[in-house]
PDB file of N, CA and C in Angstrom:
ATOM      1  N   MET A   1      -3.455   6.705 -11.640  1.00  0.00           N
ATOM      2  CA  MET A   1      -2.358   6.096 -10.930  1.00  0.00           C
ATOM      3  C   MET A   1      -1.101   6.236 -11.762  1.00  0.00           C
ATOM      4  N   ASN A   2       0.016   6.445 -11.098  1.00  0.00           N
ATOM      5  CA  ASN A   2       1.286   6.589 -11.777  1.00  0.00           C
ATOM      6  C   ASN A   2       2.259   5.549 -11.230  1.00  0.00           C
ATOM      7  N   PRO A   3       2.045   4.270 -11.567  1.00  0.00           N
ATOM      8  CA  PRO A   3       2.876   3.216 -10.991  1.00  0.00           C
ATOM      9  C   PRO A   3       4.259   3.183 -11.611  1.00  0.00           C
ATOM     10  N   SER A   4       5.192   2.609 -10.884  1.00  0.00           N
ATOM     11  CA  SER A   4       6.513   2.379 -11.448  1.00  0.00           C
ATOM     12  C   SER A   4       6.391   1.247 -12.459  1.00  0.00           C
ATOM     13  N   PRO A   5       7.400   1.076 -13.295  1.00  0.00           N
ATOM     14  CA  PRO A   5       7.348  -0.047 -14.241  1.00  0.00           C
ATOM     15  C   PRO A   5       7.230  -1.401 -13.534  1.00  0.00           C
ATOM     16  N   ASP A   6       7.658  -1.472 -12.294  1.00  0.00           N
ATOM     17  CA  ASP A   6       7.610  -2.730 -11.553  1.00  0.00           C
ATOM     18  C   ASP A   6       6.308  -2.944 -10.791  1.00  0.00           C
ATOM     19  N   ALA A   7       5.410  -1.976 -10.804  1.00  0.00           N
ATOM     20  CA  ALA A   7       4.202  -2.055  -9.976  1.00  0.00           C
ATOM     21  C   ALA A   7       3.334  -3.265 -10.302  1.00  0.00           C
ATOM     22  N   GLU A   8       3.132  -3.552 -11.566  1.00  0.00           N
ATOM     23  CA  GLU A   8       2.294  -4.708 -11.929  1.00  0.00           C
ATOM     24  C   GLU A   8       2.960  -6.000 -11.492  1.00  0.00           C
ATOM     25  N   ASP A   9       4.287  -6.089 -11.638  1.00  0.00           N
ATOM     26  CA  ASP A   9       5.003  -7.278 -11.163  1.00  0.00           C
ATOM     27  C   ASP A   9       4.863  -7.407  -9.651  1.00  0.00           C
ATOM     28  N   GLU A  10       4.998  -6.289  -8.933  1.00  0.00           N
ATOM     29  CA  GLU A  10       4.835  -6.301  -7.474  1.00  0.00           C
ATOM     30  C   GLU A  10       3.445  -6.803  -7.106  1.00  0.00           C
ATOM     31  N   ARG A  11       2.433  -6.280  -7.787  1.00  0.00           N
ATOM     32  CA  ARG A  11       1.049  -6.663  -7.486  1.00  0.00           C
ATOM     33  C   ARG A  11       0.849  -8.156  -7.707  1.00  0.00           C
ATOM     34  N   ARG A  12       1.339  -8.664  -8.840  1.00  0.00           N
ATOM     35  CA  ARG A  12       1.209 -10.092  -9.127  1.00  0.00           C
ATOM     36  C   ARG A  12       1.920 -10.942  -8.075  1.00  0.00           C
ATOM     37  N   ASP A  13       3.140 -10.529  -7.695  1.00  0.00           N
ATOM     38  CA  ASP A  13       3.913 -11.276  -6.698  1.00  0.00           C
ATOM     39  C   ASP A  13       3.205 -11.300  -5.342  1.00  0.00           C
ATOM     40  N   VAL A  14       2.681 -10.146  -4.924  1.00  0.00           N
ATOM     41  CA  VAL A  14       1.991 -10.073  -3.630  1.00  0.00           C
ATOM     42  C   VAL A  14       0.709 -10.902  -3.667  1.00  0.00           C
ATOM     43  N   GLN A  15      -0.020 -10.828  -4.770  1.00  0.00           N
ATOM     44  CA  GLN A  15      -1.242 -11.619  -4.886  1.00  0.00           C
ATOM     45  C   GLN A  15      -0.932 -13.119  -4.846  1.00  0.00           C
ATOM     46  N   ALA A  16       0.120 -13.539  -5.535  1.00  0.00           N
ATOM     47  CA  ALA A  16       0.485 -14.957  -5.547  1.00  0.00           C
ATOM     48  C   ALA A  16       0.906 -15.413  -4.157  1.00  0.00           C
ATOM     49  N   ALA A  17       1.692 -14.604  -3.461  1.00  0.00           N
ATOM     50  CA  ALA A  17       2.135 -14.962  -2.111  1.00  0.00           C
ATOM     51  C   ALA A  17       0.947 -15.054  -1.156  1.00  0.00           C
ATOM     52  N   ALA A  18       0.035 -14.092  -1.235  1.00  0.00           N
ATOM     53  CA  ALA A  18      -1.145 -14.103  -0.367  1.00  0.00           C
ATOM     54  C   ALA A  18      -1.999 -15.342  -0.634  1.00  0.00           C
ATOM     55  N   GLN A  19      -2.167 -15.673  -1.881  1.00  0.00           N
ATOM     56  CA  GLN A  19      -2.974 -16.848  -2.234  1.00  0.00           C
ATOM     57  C   GLN A  19      -2.328 -18.120  -1.683  1.00  0.00           C
ATOM     58  N   GLN A  20      -1.007 -18.204  -1.776  1.00  0.00           N
ATOM     59  CA  GLN A  20      -0.309 -19.398  -1.280  1.00  0.00           C
ATOM     60  C   GLN A  20      -0.513 -19.625   0.211  1.00  0.00           C
ATOM     61  N   ILE A  21      -0.616 -18.550   0.966  1.00  0.00           N
ATOM     62  CA  ILE A  21      -0.763 -18.704   2.419  1.00  0.00           C
ATOM     63  C   ILE A  21      -2.198 -18.473   2.893  1.00  0.00           C
ATOM     64  N   GLY A  22      -3.106 -18.370   1.938  1.00  0.00           N
ATOM     65  CA  GLY A  22      -4.518 -18.263   2.289  1.00  0.00           C
ATOM     66  C   GLY A  22      -4.950 -16.914   2.838  1.00  0.00           C
ATOM     67  N   GLN A  23      -4.263 -15.860   2.464  1.00  0.00           N
ATOM     68  CA  GLN A  23      -4.634 -14.522   2.920  1.00  0.00           C
ATOM     69  C   GLN A  23      -5.473 -13.809   1.871  1.00  0.00           C
ATOM     70  N   GLN A  24      -6.431 -13.032   2.332  1.00  0.00           N
ATOM     71  CA  GLN A  24      -7.274 -12.246   1.437  1.00  0.00           C
ATOM     72  C   GLN A  24      -6.695 -10.840   1.338  1.00  0.00           C
ATOM     73  N   LEU A  25      -6.624 -10.315   0.125  1.00  0.00           N
ATOM     74  CA  LEU A  25      -6.102  -8.963  -0.084  1.00  0.00           C
ATOM     75  C   LEU A  25      -7.232  -7.970  -0.330  1.00  0.00           C
ATOM     76  N   ILE A  26      -6.996  -6.757   0.114  1.00  0.00           N
ATOM     77  CA  ILE A  26      -7.843  -5.621  -0.244  1.00  0.00           C
ATOM     78  C   ILE A  26      -6.935  -4.731  -1.077  1.00  0.00           C
ATOM     79  N   ILE A  27      -7.175  -4.656  -2.371  1.00  0.00           N
ATOM     80  CA  ILE A  27      -6.311  -3.889  -3.261  1.00  0.00           C
ATOM     81  C   ILE A  27      -7.018  -2.596  -3.625  1.00  0.00           C
ATOM     82  N   LEU A  28      -6.367  -1.490  -3.297  1.00  0.00           N
ATOM     83  CA  LEU A  28      -6.925  -0.171  -3.582  1.00  0.00           C
ATOM     84  C   LEU A  28      -5.887   0.673  -4.296  1.00  0.00           C
ATOM     85  N   ASP A  29      -6.296   1.356  -5.344  1.00  0.00           N
ATOM     86  CA  ASP A  29      -5.418   2.300  -6.022  1.00  0.00           C
ATOM     87  C   ASP A  29      -5.626   3.668  -5.390  1.00  0.00           C
ATOM     88  N   VAL A  30      -4.524   4.337  -5.071  1.00  0.00           N
ATOM     89  CA  VAL A  30      -4.568   5.630  -4.396  1.00  0.00           C
ATOM     90  C   VAL A  30      -3.895   6.663  -5.282  1.00  0.00           C
ATOM     91  N   ASN A  31      -4.620   7.733  -5.600  1.00  0.00           N
ATOM     92  CA  ASN A  31      -4.105   8.759  -6.503  1.00  0.00           C
ATOM     93  C   ASN A  31      -4.164  10.172  -5.945  1.00  0.00           C
ATOM     94  N   SER A  32      -4.732  10.341  -4.740  1.00  0.00           N
ATOM     95  CA  SER A  32      -4.854  11.677  -4.155  1.00  0.00           C
ATOM     96  C   SER A  32      -4.846  11.556  -2.634  1.00  0.00           C
ATOM     97  N   ASP A  33      -4.674  12.691  -1.968  1.00  0.00           N
ATOM     98  CA  ASP A  33      -4.705  12.693  -0.503  1.00  0.00           C
ATOM     99  C   ASP A  33      -6.044  12.162   0.007  1.00  0.00           C
ATOM    100  N   ARG A  34      -7.116  12.526  -0.651  1.00  0.00           N
ATOM    101  CA  ARG A  34      -8.450  12.055  -0.261  1.00  0.00           C
ATOM    102  C   ARG A  34      -8.540  10.537  -0.378  1.00  0.00           C
ATOM    103  N   ASP A  35      -7.896   9.992  -1.429  1.00  0.00           N
ATOM    104  CA  ASP A  35      -7.882   8.539  -1.600  1.00  0.00           C
ATOM    105  C   ASP A  35      -7.166   7.838  -0.448  1.00  0.00           C
ATOM    106  N   ILE A  36      -6.118   8.469   0.084  1.00  0.00           N
ATOM    107  CA  ILE A  36      -5.372   7.874   1.207  1.00  0.00           C
ATOM    108  C   ILE A  36      -6.306   7.713   2.402  1.00  0.00           C
ATOM    109  N   GLU A  37      -7.004   8.763   2.749  1.00  0.00           N
ATOM    110  CA  GLU A  37      -7.918   8.699   3.901  1.00  0.00           C
ATOM    111  C   GLU A  37      -9.040   7.706   3.649  1.00  0.00           C
ATOM    112  N   ALA A  38      -9.588   7.693   2.440  1.00  0.00           N
ATOM    113  CA  ALA A  38     -10.658   6.752   2.114  1.00  0.00           C
ATOM    114  C   ALA A  38     -10.149   5.313   2.174  1.00  0.00           C
ATOM    115  N   ALA A  39      -8.921   5.095   1.735  1.00  0.00           N
ATOM    116  CA  ALA A  39      -8.340   3.750   1.783  1.00  0.00           C
ATOM    117  C   ALA A  39      -8.225   3.269   3.223  1.00  0.00           C
ATOM    118  N   PHE A  40      -7.740   4.128   4.120  1.00  0.00           N
ATOM    119  CA  PHE A  40      -7.624   3.709   5.518  1.00  0.00           C
ATOM    120  C   PHE A  40      -8.998   3.469   6.146  1.00  0.00           C
ATOM    121  N   ALA A  41      -9.981   4.241   5.756  1.00  0.00           N
ATOM    122  CA  ALA A  41     -11.342   3.991   6.254  1.00  0.00           C
ATOM    123  C   ALA A  41     -11.812   2.613   5.789  1.00  0.00           C
ATOM    124  N   THR A  42     -11.514   2.261   4.549  1.00  0.00           N
ATOM    125  CA  THR A  42     -11.880   0.948   4.022  1.00  0.00           C
ATOM    126  C   THR A  42     -11.141  -0.154   4.775  1.00  0.00           C
ATOM    127  N   PHE A  43      -9.840   0.054   5.042  1.00  0.00           N
ATOM    128  CA  PHE A  43      -9.065  -0.953   5.770  1.00  0.00           C
ATOM    129  C   PHE A  43      -9.656  -1.203   7.152  1.00  0.00           C
ATOM    130  N   VAL A  44     -10.025  -0.140   7.846  1.00  0.00           N
ATOM    131  CA  VAL A  44     -10.614  -0.272   9.178  1.00  0.00           C
ATOM    132  C   VAL A  44     -11.958  -0.998   9.078  1.00  0.00           C
ATOM    133  N   GLU A  45     -12.786  -0.562   8.144  1.00  0.00           N
ATOM    134  CA  GLU A  45     -14.114  -1.153   7.966  1.00  0.00           C
ATOM    135  C   GLU A  45     -14.031  -2.649   7.660  1.00  0.00           C
ATOM    136  N   ARG A  46     -13.032  -3.046   6.871  1.00  0.00           N
ATOM    137  CA  ARG A  46     -12.921  -4.445   6.457  1.00  0.00           C
ATOM    138  C   ARG A  46     -11.982  -5.264   7.337  1.00  0.00           C
ATOM    139  N   GLY A  47     -11.439  -4.641   8.392  1.00  0.00           N
ATOM    140  CA  GLY A  47     -10.628  -5.372   9.357  1.00  0.00           C
ATOM    141  C   GLY A  47      -9.248  -5.769   8.873  1.00  0.00           C
ATOM    142  N   ALA A  48      -8.621  -4.941   8.067  1.00  0.00           N
ATOM    143  CA  ALA A  48      -7.276  -5.252   7.574  1.00  0.00           C
ATOM    144  C   ALA A  48      -6.290  -5.331   8.734  1.00  0.00           C
ATOM    145  N   ASP A  49      -5.363  -6.281   8.633  1.00  0.00           N
ATOM    146  CA  ASP A  49      -4.366  -6.482   9.683  1.00  0.00           C
ATOM    147  C   ASP A  49      -3.019  -5.840   9.357  1.00  0.00           C
ATOM    148  N   ALA A  50      -2.764  -5.577   8.084  1.00  0.00           N
ATOM    149  CA  ALA A  50      -1.476  -5.016   7.670  1.00  0.00           C
ATOM    150  C   ALA A  50      -1.634  -4.356   6.311  1.00  0.00           C
ATOM    151  N   LEU A  51      -0.585  -3.660   5.894  1.00  0.00           N
ATOM    152  CA  LEU A  51      -0.622  -2.859   4.681  1.00  0.00           C
ATOM    153  C   LEU A  51       0.670  -3.058   3.904  1.00  0.00           C
ATOM    154  N   PHE A  52       0.566  -3.219   2.574  1.00  0.00           N
ATOM    155  CA  PHE A  52       1.726  -3.218   1.695  1.00  0.00           C
ATOM    156  C   PHE A  52       1.545  -2.058   0.741  1.00  0.00           C
ATOM    157  N   VAL A  53       2.548  -1.196   0.663  1.00  0.00           N
ATOM    158  CA  VAL A  53       2.482  -0.030  -0.216  1.00  0.00           C
ATOM    159  C   VAL A  53       3.404  -0.275  -1.396  1.00  0.00           C
ATOM    160  N   SER A  54       2.825  -0.365  -2.560  1.00  0.00           N
ATOM    161  CA  SER A  54       3.582  -0.608  -3.779  1.00  0.00           C
ATOM    162  C   SER A  54       4.359   0.642  -4.191  1.00  0.00           C
ATOM    163  N   THR A  55       5.265   0.465  -5.102  1.00  0.00           N
ATOM    164  CA  THR A  55       6.068   1.564  -5.606  1.00  0.00           C
ATOM    165  C   THR A  55       5.260   2.415  -6.575  1.00  0.00           C
ATOM    166  N   SER A  56       5.195   3.702  -6.319  1.00  0.00           N
ATOM    167  CA  SER A  56       4.613   4.655  -7.257  1.00  0.00           C
ATOM    168  C   SER A  56       5.141   6.029  -6.895  1.00  0.00           C
ATOM    169  N   ALA A  57       5.236   6.893  -7.883  1.00  0.00           N
ATOM    170  CA  ALA A  57       5.727   8.249  -7.627  1.00  0.00           C
ATOM    171  C   ALA A  57       4.829   8.955  -6.616  1.00  0.00           C
ATOM    172  N   PHE A  58       3.514   8.744  -6.718  1.00  0.00           N
ATOM    173  CA  PHE A  58       2.590   9.398  -5.791  1.00  0.00           C
ATOM    174  C   PHE A  58       2.848   8.959  -4.357  1.00  0.00           C
ATOM    175  N   MET A  59       2.979   7.666  -4.133  1.00  0.00           N
ATOM    176  CA  MET A  59       3.166   7.178  -2.765  1.00  0.00           C
ATOM    177  C   MET A  59       4.516   7.600  -2.200  1.00  0.00           C
ATOM    178  N   ILE A  60       5.546   7.629  -3.027  1.00  0.00           N
ATOM    179  CA  ILE A  60       6.855   8.096  -2.548  1.00  0.00           C
ATOM    180  C   ILE A  60       6.771   9.571  -2.190  1.00  0.00           C
ATOM    181  N   SER A  61       6.104  10.365  -3.009  1.00  0.00           N
ATOM    182  CA  SER A  61       6.007  11.802  -2.726  1.00  0.00           C
ATOM    183  C   SER A  61       5.078  12.095  -1.552  1.00  0.00           C
ATOM    184  N   ASN A  62       4.244  11.138  -1.174  1.00  0.00           N
ATOM    185  CA  ASN A  62       3.329  11.312  -0.042  1.00  0.00           C
ATOM    186  C   ASN A  62       3.684  10.407   1.127  1.00  0.00           C
ATOM    187  N   ARG A  63       4.937  10.104   1.251  1.00  0.00           N
ATOM    188  CA  ARG A  63       5.369   9.195   2.326  1.00  0.00           C
ATOM    189  C   ARG A  63       5.188   9.815   3.695  1.00  0.00           C
ATOM    190  N   ASP A  64       4.987  11.120   3.768  1.00  0.00           N
ATOM    191  CA  ASP A  64       4.754  11.784   5.050  1.00  0.00           C
ATOM    192  C   ASP A  64       3.268  12.005   5.307  1.00  0.00           C
ATOM    193  N   ALA A  65       2.421  11.222   4.645  1.00  0.00           N
ATOM    194  CA  ALA A  65       0.975  11.327   4.852  1.00  0.00           C
ATOM    195  C   ALA A  65       0.656  11.033   6.315  1.00  0.00           C
ATOM    196  N   PRO A  66      -0.521  11.437   6.764  1.00  0.00           N
ATOM    197  CA  PRO A  66      -0.886  11.194   8.174  1.00  0.00           C
ATOM    198  C   PRO A  66      -0.643   9.748   8.576  1.00  0.00           C
ATOM    199  N   ARG A  67      -0.162   9.579   9.778  1.00  0.00           N
ATOM    200  CA  ARG A  67       0.177   8.240  10.277  1.00  0.00           C
ATOM    201  C   ARG A  67      -1.079   7.503  10.749  1.00  0.00           C
ATOM    202  N   HIS A  68      -1.076   6.239  10.488  1.00  0.00           N
ATOM    203  CA  HIS A  68      -2.132   5.357  10.941  1.00  0.00           C
ATOM    204  C   HIS A  68      -1.469   4.204  11.669  1.00  0.00           C
ATOM    205  N   THR A  69      -2.216   3.446  12.422  1.00  0.00           N
ATOM    206  CA  THR A  69      -1.617   2.419  13.279  1.00  0.00           C
ATOM    207  C   THR A  69      -1.632   1.033  12.663  1.00  0.00           C
ATOM    208  N   LEU A  70      -1.656   0.922  11.357  1.00  0.00           N
ATOM    209  CA  LEU A  70      -1.643  -0.353  10.682  1.00  0.00           C
ATOM    210  C   LEU A  70      -0.203  -0.742  10.369  1.00  0.00           C
ATOM    211  N   PRO A  71       0.249  -1.948  10.769  1.00  0.00           N
ATOM    212  CA  PRO A  71       1.601  -2.369  10.403  1.00  0.00           C
ATOM    213  C   PRO A  71       1.747  -2.323   8.891  1.00  0.00           C
ATOM    214  N   ALA A  72       2.891  -1.861   8.403  1.00  0.00           N
ATOM    215  CA  ALA A  72       3.047  -1.674   6.962  1.00  0.00           C
ATOM    216  C   ALA A  72       4.385  -2.175   6.455  1.00  0.00           C
ATOM    217  N   SER A  73       4.369  -2.576   5.199  1.00  0.00           N
ATOM    218  CA  SER A  73       5.562  -2.972   4.460  1.00  0.00           C
ATOM    219  C   SER A  73       5.583  -2.135   3.195  1.00  0.00           C
ATOM    220  N   PHE A  74       6.761  -1.666   2.825  1.00  0.00           N
ATOM    221  CA  PHE A  74       6.873  -0.766   1.678  1.00  0.00           C
ATOM    222  C   PHE A  74       7.824  -1.328   0.639  1.00  0.00           C
ATOM    223  N   ALA A  75       7.490  -1.152  -0.629  1.00  0.00           N
ATOM    224  CA  ALA A  75       8.344  -1.612  -1.716  1.00  0.00           C
ATOM    225  C   ALA A  75       9.512  -0.662  -1.933  1.00  0.00           C
ATOM    226  N   ALA A  76       9.350   0.604  -1.595  1.00  0.00           N
ATOM    227  CA  ALA A  76      10.390   1.600  -1.842  1.00  0.00           C
ATOM    228  C   ALA A  76      11.170   1.914  -0.561  1.00  0.00           C
ATOM    229  N   ARG A  77      12.474   1.794  -0.644  1.00  0.00           N
ATOM    230  CA  ARG A  77      13.341   2.079   0.497  1.00  0.00           C
ATOM    231  C   ARG A  77      13.144   3.499   1.019  1.00  0.00           C
ATOM    232  N   GLU A  78      12.940   4.452   0.104  1.00  0.00           N
ATOM    233  CA  GLU A  78      12.766   5.852   0.486  1.00  0.00           C
ATOM    234  C   GLU A  78      11.609   6.044   1.473  1.00  0.00           C
ATOM    235  N   THR A  79      10.571   5.286   1.281  1.00  0.00           N
ATOM    236  CA  THR A  79       9.405   5.387   2.149  1.00  0.00           C
ATOM    237  C   THR A  79       9.724   4.855   3.536  1.00  0.00           C
ATOM    238  N   VAL A  80      10.462   3.778   3.599  1.00  0.00           N
ATOM    239  CA  VAL A  80      10.845   3.208   4.883  1.00  0.00           C
ATOM    240  C   VAL A  80      11.756   4.169   5.635  1.00  0.00           C
ATOM    241  N   VAL A  81      12.731   4.739   4.952  1.00  0.00           N
ATOM    242  CA  VAL A  81      13.665   5.679   5.572  1.00  0.00           C
ATOM    243  C   VAL A  81      12.909   6.876   6.147  1.00  0.00           C
ATOM    244  N   ALA A  82      11.835   7.284   5.482  1.00  0.00           N
ATOM    245  CA  ALA A  82      11.020   8.409   5.944  1.00  0.00           C
ATOM    246  C   ALA A  82      10.002   7.970   7.002  1.00  0.00           C
ATOM    247  N   SER A  83      10.166   6.791   7.557  1.00  0.00           N
ATOM    248  CA  SER A  83       9.304   6.225   8.598  1.00  0.00           C
ATOM    249  C   SER A  83       7.927   5.835   8.084  1.00  0.00           C
ATOM    250  N   GLY A  84       7.817   5.526   6.817  1.00  0.00           N
ATOM    251  CA  GLY A  84       6.545   5.029   6.267  1.00  0.00           C
ATOM    252  C   GLY A  84       5.519   6.107   6.256  1.00  0.00           C
TER     253      GLY A  84
END
């Protein structure tokens, strides 16, 4: 994984927010195109309702990955501008 310097802070903040509102997180590290597809298979299998994509060079460079129908929130503006 090639996270931004803020990635660990983002992860901690998201985990704290989820805990406060009683939400369960599925945290997966994605480092390859194959990991992206496997992650979405896991989300479907476990019934995920939404997705948060943390900041990382890999995720920004793969912002045009195949589209899935899971509502998503992104830490990087570039990803949002590219339609997630």
